Amino acid sequence: YASIISNNQNLVPKRLSTLTIFLSIPVLIASIYGMNVPLPFQESTHAFWIPSLISVIILAFAIFYYFRTAKK
């Protein structure tokens, strides 16, 4: 019975770690574009949407890959 409780307790940190990894991808891209250095697309009229779209695509791929390889 103790091993079942232990497995359930290990599941929560695993899910929180996965969520943290997924949320760090858009934060990384936003932090790169938040620096005061010349960056690609800086002078474009779509300077907000291009990095946002890139981060959403990477995040969707990471979530898809995670659920595809996760044990059921």
N, C-alpha and C. Protein backbone atom coordinates (compact mmCIF):
# COMPACT_ATOMS: atom_id res chain seq x y z
N TYR A 1 0.82 -1.19 0.00
CA TYR A 1 0.00 0.00 0.00
C TYR A 1 0.87 1.26 0.00
N ALA A 2 1.99 1.21 0.67
CA ALA A 2 2.88 2.37 0.74
C ALA A 2 3.49 2.69 -0.62
N SER A 3 3.72 1.67 -1.42
CA SER A 3 4.30 1.93 -2.75
C SER A 3 3.31 2.64 -3.67
N ILE A 4 2.01 2.38 -3.52
CA ILE A 4 1.00 3.09 -4.32
C ILE A 4 0.98 4.57 -3.96
N ILE A 5 1.05 4.86 -2.67
CA ILE A 5 1.07 6.25 -2.23
C ILE A 5 2.34 6.94 -2.71
N SER A 6 3.45 6.24 -2.67
CA SER A 6 4.71 6.80 -3.13
C SER A 6 4.66 7.10 -4.62
N ASN A 7 4.07 6.21 -5.41
CA ASN A 7 3.95 6.45 -6.85
C ASN A 7 3.05 7.66 -7.13
N ASN A 8 1.97 7.80 -6.37
CA ASN A 8 1.09 8.95 -6.55
C ASN A 8 1.79 10.25 -6.17
N GLN A 9 2.63 10.21 -5.15
CA GLN A 9 3.36 11.41 -4.75
C GLN A 9 4.43 11.77 -5.78
N ASN A 10 4.98 10.81 -6.46
CA ASN A 10 5.98 11.09 -7.49
C ASN A 10 5.34 11.65 -8.75
N LEU A 11 4.07 11.42 -8.96
CA LEU A 11 3.38 11.89 -10.15
C LEU A 11 3.21 13.41 -10.15
N VAL A 12 2.97 14.00 -9.01
CA VAL A 12 2.75 15.45 -8.92
C VAL A 12 4.01 16.23 -9.31
N PRO A 13 5.18 15.93 -8.75
CA PRO A 13 6.38 16.68 -9.18
C PRO A 13 6.71 16.46 -10.66
N LYS A 14 6.41 15.28 -11.17
CA LYS A 14 6.67 15.03 -12.58
C LYS A 14 5.80 15.93 -13.46
N ARG A 15 4.53 16.07 -13.11
CA ARG A 15 3.63 16.94 -13.87
C ARG A 15 4.02 18.40 -13.74
N LEU A 16 4.43 18.82 -12.55
CA LEU A 16 4.85 20.20 -12.35
C LEU A 16 6.13 20.51 -13.13
N SER A 17 7.04 19.56 -13.17
CA SER A 17 8.28 19.74 -13.94
C SER A 17 7.98 19.84 -15.43
N THR A 18 7.07 19.04 -15.92
CA THR A 18 6.69 19.09 -17.32
C THR A 18 6.05 20.43 -17.65
N LEU A 19 5.17 20.90 -16.79
CA LEU A 19 4.54 22.19 -17.00
C LEU A 19 5.57 23.31 -17.00
N THR A 20 6.54 23.24 -16.12
CA THR A 20 7.59 24.25 -16.06
C THR A 20 8.41 24.27 -17.35
N ILE A 21 8.72 23.11 -17.88
CA ILE A 21 9.48 23.05 -19.13
C ILE A 21 8.67 23.64 -20.27
N PHE A 22 7.38 23.32 -20.34
CA PHE A 22 6.54 23.86 -21.41
C PHE A 22 6.43 25.38 -21.31
N LEU A 23 6.32 25.92 -20.12
CA LEU A 23 6.18 27.36 -19.96
C LEU A 23 7.49 28.11 -20.15
N SER A 24 8.61 27.42 -20.02
CA SER A 24 9.90 28.10 -20.18
C SER A 24 10.23 28.41 -21.64
N ILE A 25 9.61 27.71 -22.58
CA ILE A 25 9.90 27.95 -24.00
C ILE A 25 9.45 29.35 -24.42
N PRO A 26 8.19 29.75 -24.20
CA PRO A 26 7.81 31.12 -24.57
C PRO A 26 8.56 32.19 -23.75
N VAL A 27 8.87 31.89 -22.51
CA VAL A 27 9.60 32.85 -21.69
C VAL A 27 11.00 33.07 -22.25
N LEU A 28 11.64 32.03 -22.73
CA LEU A 28 12.97 32.15 -23.32
C LEU A 28 12.93 33.06 -24.55
N ILE A 29 11.98 32.84 -25.42
CA ILE A 29 11.88 33.66 -26.63
C ILE A 29 11.54 35.10 -26.28
N ALA A 30 10.65 35.32 -25.33
CA ALA A 30 10.30 36.68 -24.91
C ALA A 30 11.49 37.38 -24.27
N SER A 31 12.29 36.66 -23.51
CA SER A 31 13.45 37.29 -22.86
C SER A 31 14.53 37.65 -23.88
N ILE A 32 14.69 36.86 -24.92
CA ILE A 32 15.66 37.19 -25.96
C ILE A 32 15.23 38.46 -26.68
N TYR A 33 13.94 38.56 -27.01
CA TYR A 33 13.46 39.74 -27.71
C TYR A 33 13.28 40.94 -26.79
N GLY A 34 13.42 40.77 -25.51
CA GLY A 34 13.33 41.88 -24.57
C GLY A 34 14.65 42.59 -24.33
N MET A 35 15.72 42.08 -24.90
CA MET A 35 17.04 42.69 -24.71
C MET A 35 17.20 43.91 -25.61
N ASN A 36 18.03 44.83 -25.20
CA ASN A 36 18.28 46.05 -25.97
C ASN A 36 19.45 45.86 -26.92
N VAL A 37 19.33 44.90 -27.80
CA VAL A 37 20.34 44.65 -28.83
C VAL A 37 19.61 44.50 -30.16
N PRO A 38 20.29 44.73 -31.27
CA PRO A 38 19.64 44.54 -32.57
C PRO A 38 19.24 43.07 -32.77
N LEU A 39 18.00 42.86 -33.17
CA LEU A 39 17.48 41.51 -33.35
C LEU A 39 16.79 41.40 -34.70
N PRO A 40 16.66 40.18 -35.23
CA PRO A 40 15.90 40.03 -36.46
C PRO A 40 14.44 40.44 -36.26
N PHE A 41 13.84 40.98 -37.28
CA PHE A 41 12.43 41.41 -37.29
C PHE A 41 12.17 42.60 -36.38
N GLN A 42 13.19 43.26 -35.89
CA GLN A 42 13.00 44.36 -34.94
C GLN A 42 12.29 45.55 -35.59
N GLU A 43 12.59 45.83 -36.82
CA GLU A 43 11.99 46.97 -37.51
C GLU A 43 10.72 46.59 -38.27
N SER A 44 10.33 45.35 -38.23
CA SER A 44 9.14 44.89 -38.94
C SER A 44 7.87 45.36 -38.24
N THR A 45 6.81 45.50 -39.02
CA THR A 45 5.53 45.87 -38.41
C THR A 45 4.93 44.69 -37.65
N HIS A 46 5.43 43.51 -37.88
CA HIS A 46 4.96 42.31 -37.21
C HIS A 46 5.95 41.84 -36.15
N ALA A 47 6.63 42.77 -35.53
CA ALA A 47 7.68 42.43 -34.57
C ALA A 47 7.16 41.68 -33.36
N PHE A 48 5.90 41.87 -33.01
CA PHE A 48 5.32 41.14 -31.89
C PHE A 48 4.84 39.76 -32.31
N TRP A 49 4.23 39.66 -33.48
CA TRP A 49 3.58 38.43 -33.90
C TRP A 49 4.55 37.35 -34.36
N ILE A 50 5.66 37.72 -34.94
CA ILE A 50 6.61 36.71 -35.42
C ILE A 50 7.20 35.90 -34.26
N PRO A 51 7.79 36.52 -33.22
CA PRO A 51 8.28 35.71 -32.09
C PRO A 51 7.16 34.97 -31.36
N SER A 52 5.97 35.59 -31.29
CA SER A 52 4.85 34.91 -30.63
C SER A 52 4.47 33.65 -31.39
N LEU A 53 4.40 33.75 -32.70
CA LEU A 53 4.06 32.59 -33.52
C LEU A 53 5.13 31.51 -33.42
N ILE A 54 6.38 31.91 -33.41
CA ILE A 54 7.47 30.94 -33.28
C ILE A 54 7.38 30.21 -31.95
N SER A 55 7.12 30.94 -30.86
CA SER A 55 7.03 30.29 -29.55
C SER A 55 5.83 29.37 -29.45
N VAL A 56 4.71 29.74 -30.06
CA VAL A 56 3.52 28.88 -30.04
C VAL A 56 3.79 27.60 -30.84
N ILE A 57 4.45 27.71 -31.97
CA ILE A 57 4.76 26.53 -32.77
C ILE A 57 5.70 25.60 -32.02
N ILE A 58 6.74 26.15 -31.40
CA ILE A 58 7.67 25.31 -30.63
C ILE A 58 6.96 24.67 -29.44
N LEU A 59 6.12 25.44 -28.77
CA LEU A 59 5.37 24.91 -27.62
C LEU A 59 4.42 23.80 -28.05
N ALA A 60 3.73 23.98 -29.17
CA ALA A 60 2.81 22.95 -29.66
C ALA A 60 3.58 21.69 -30.03
N PHE A 61 4.74 21.84 -30.65
CA PHE A 61 5.55 20.67 -31.00
C PHE A 61 6.02 19.94 -29.73
N ALA A 62 6.44 20.70 -28.72
CA ALA A 62 6.90 20.07 -27.48
C ALA A 62 5.78 19.32 -26.77
N ILE A 63 4.59 19.91 -26.73
CA ILE A 63 3.46 19.24 -26.10
C ILE A 63 3.06 18.00 -26.89
N PHE A 64 3.04 18.12 -28.21
CA PHE A 64 2.71 16.97 -29.06
C PHE A 64 3.72 15.84 -28.85
N TYR A 65 5.00 16.19 -28.82
CA TYR A 65 6.04 15.18 -28.63
C TYR A 65 5.93 14.53 -27.26
N TYR A 66 5.62 15.32 -26.25
CA TYR A 66 5.49 14.78 -24.90
C TYR A 66 4.35 13.77 -24.81
N PHE A 67 3.19 14.15 -25.32
CA PHE A 67 2.04 13.25 -25.23
C PHE A 67 2.19 12.04 -26.14
N ARG A 68 2.95 12.18 -27.21
CA ARG A 68 3.16 11.03 -28.09
C ARG A 68 4.09 10.00 -27.46
N THR A 69 5.08 10.48 -26.69
CA THR A 69 6.04 9.56 -26.09
C THR A 69 5.70 9.19 -24.65
N ALA A 70 4.71 9.84 -24.06
CA ALA A 70 4.36 9.55 -22.67
C ALA A 70 3.76 8.14 -22.56
N LYS A 71 4.10 7.50 -21.49
CA LYS A 71 3.54 6.16 -21.25
C LYS A 71 2.09 6.29 -20.83
N LYS A 72 1.29 5.41 -21.35
CA LYS A 72 -0.14 5.47 -21.03
C LYS A 72 -0.51 4.46 -19.99
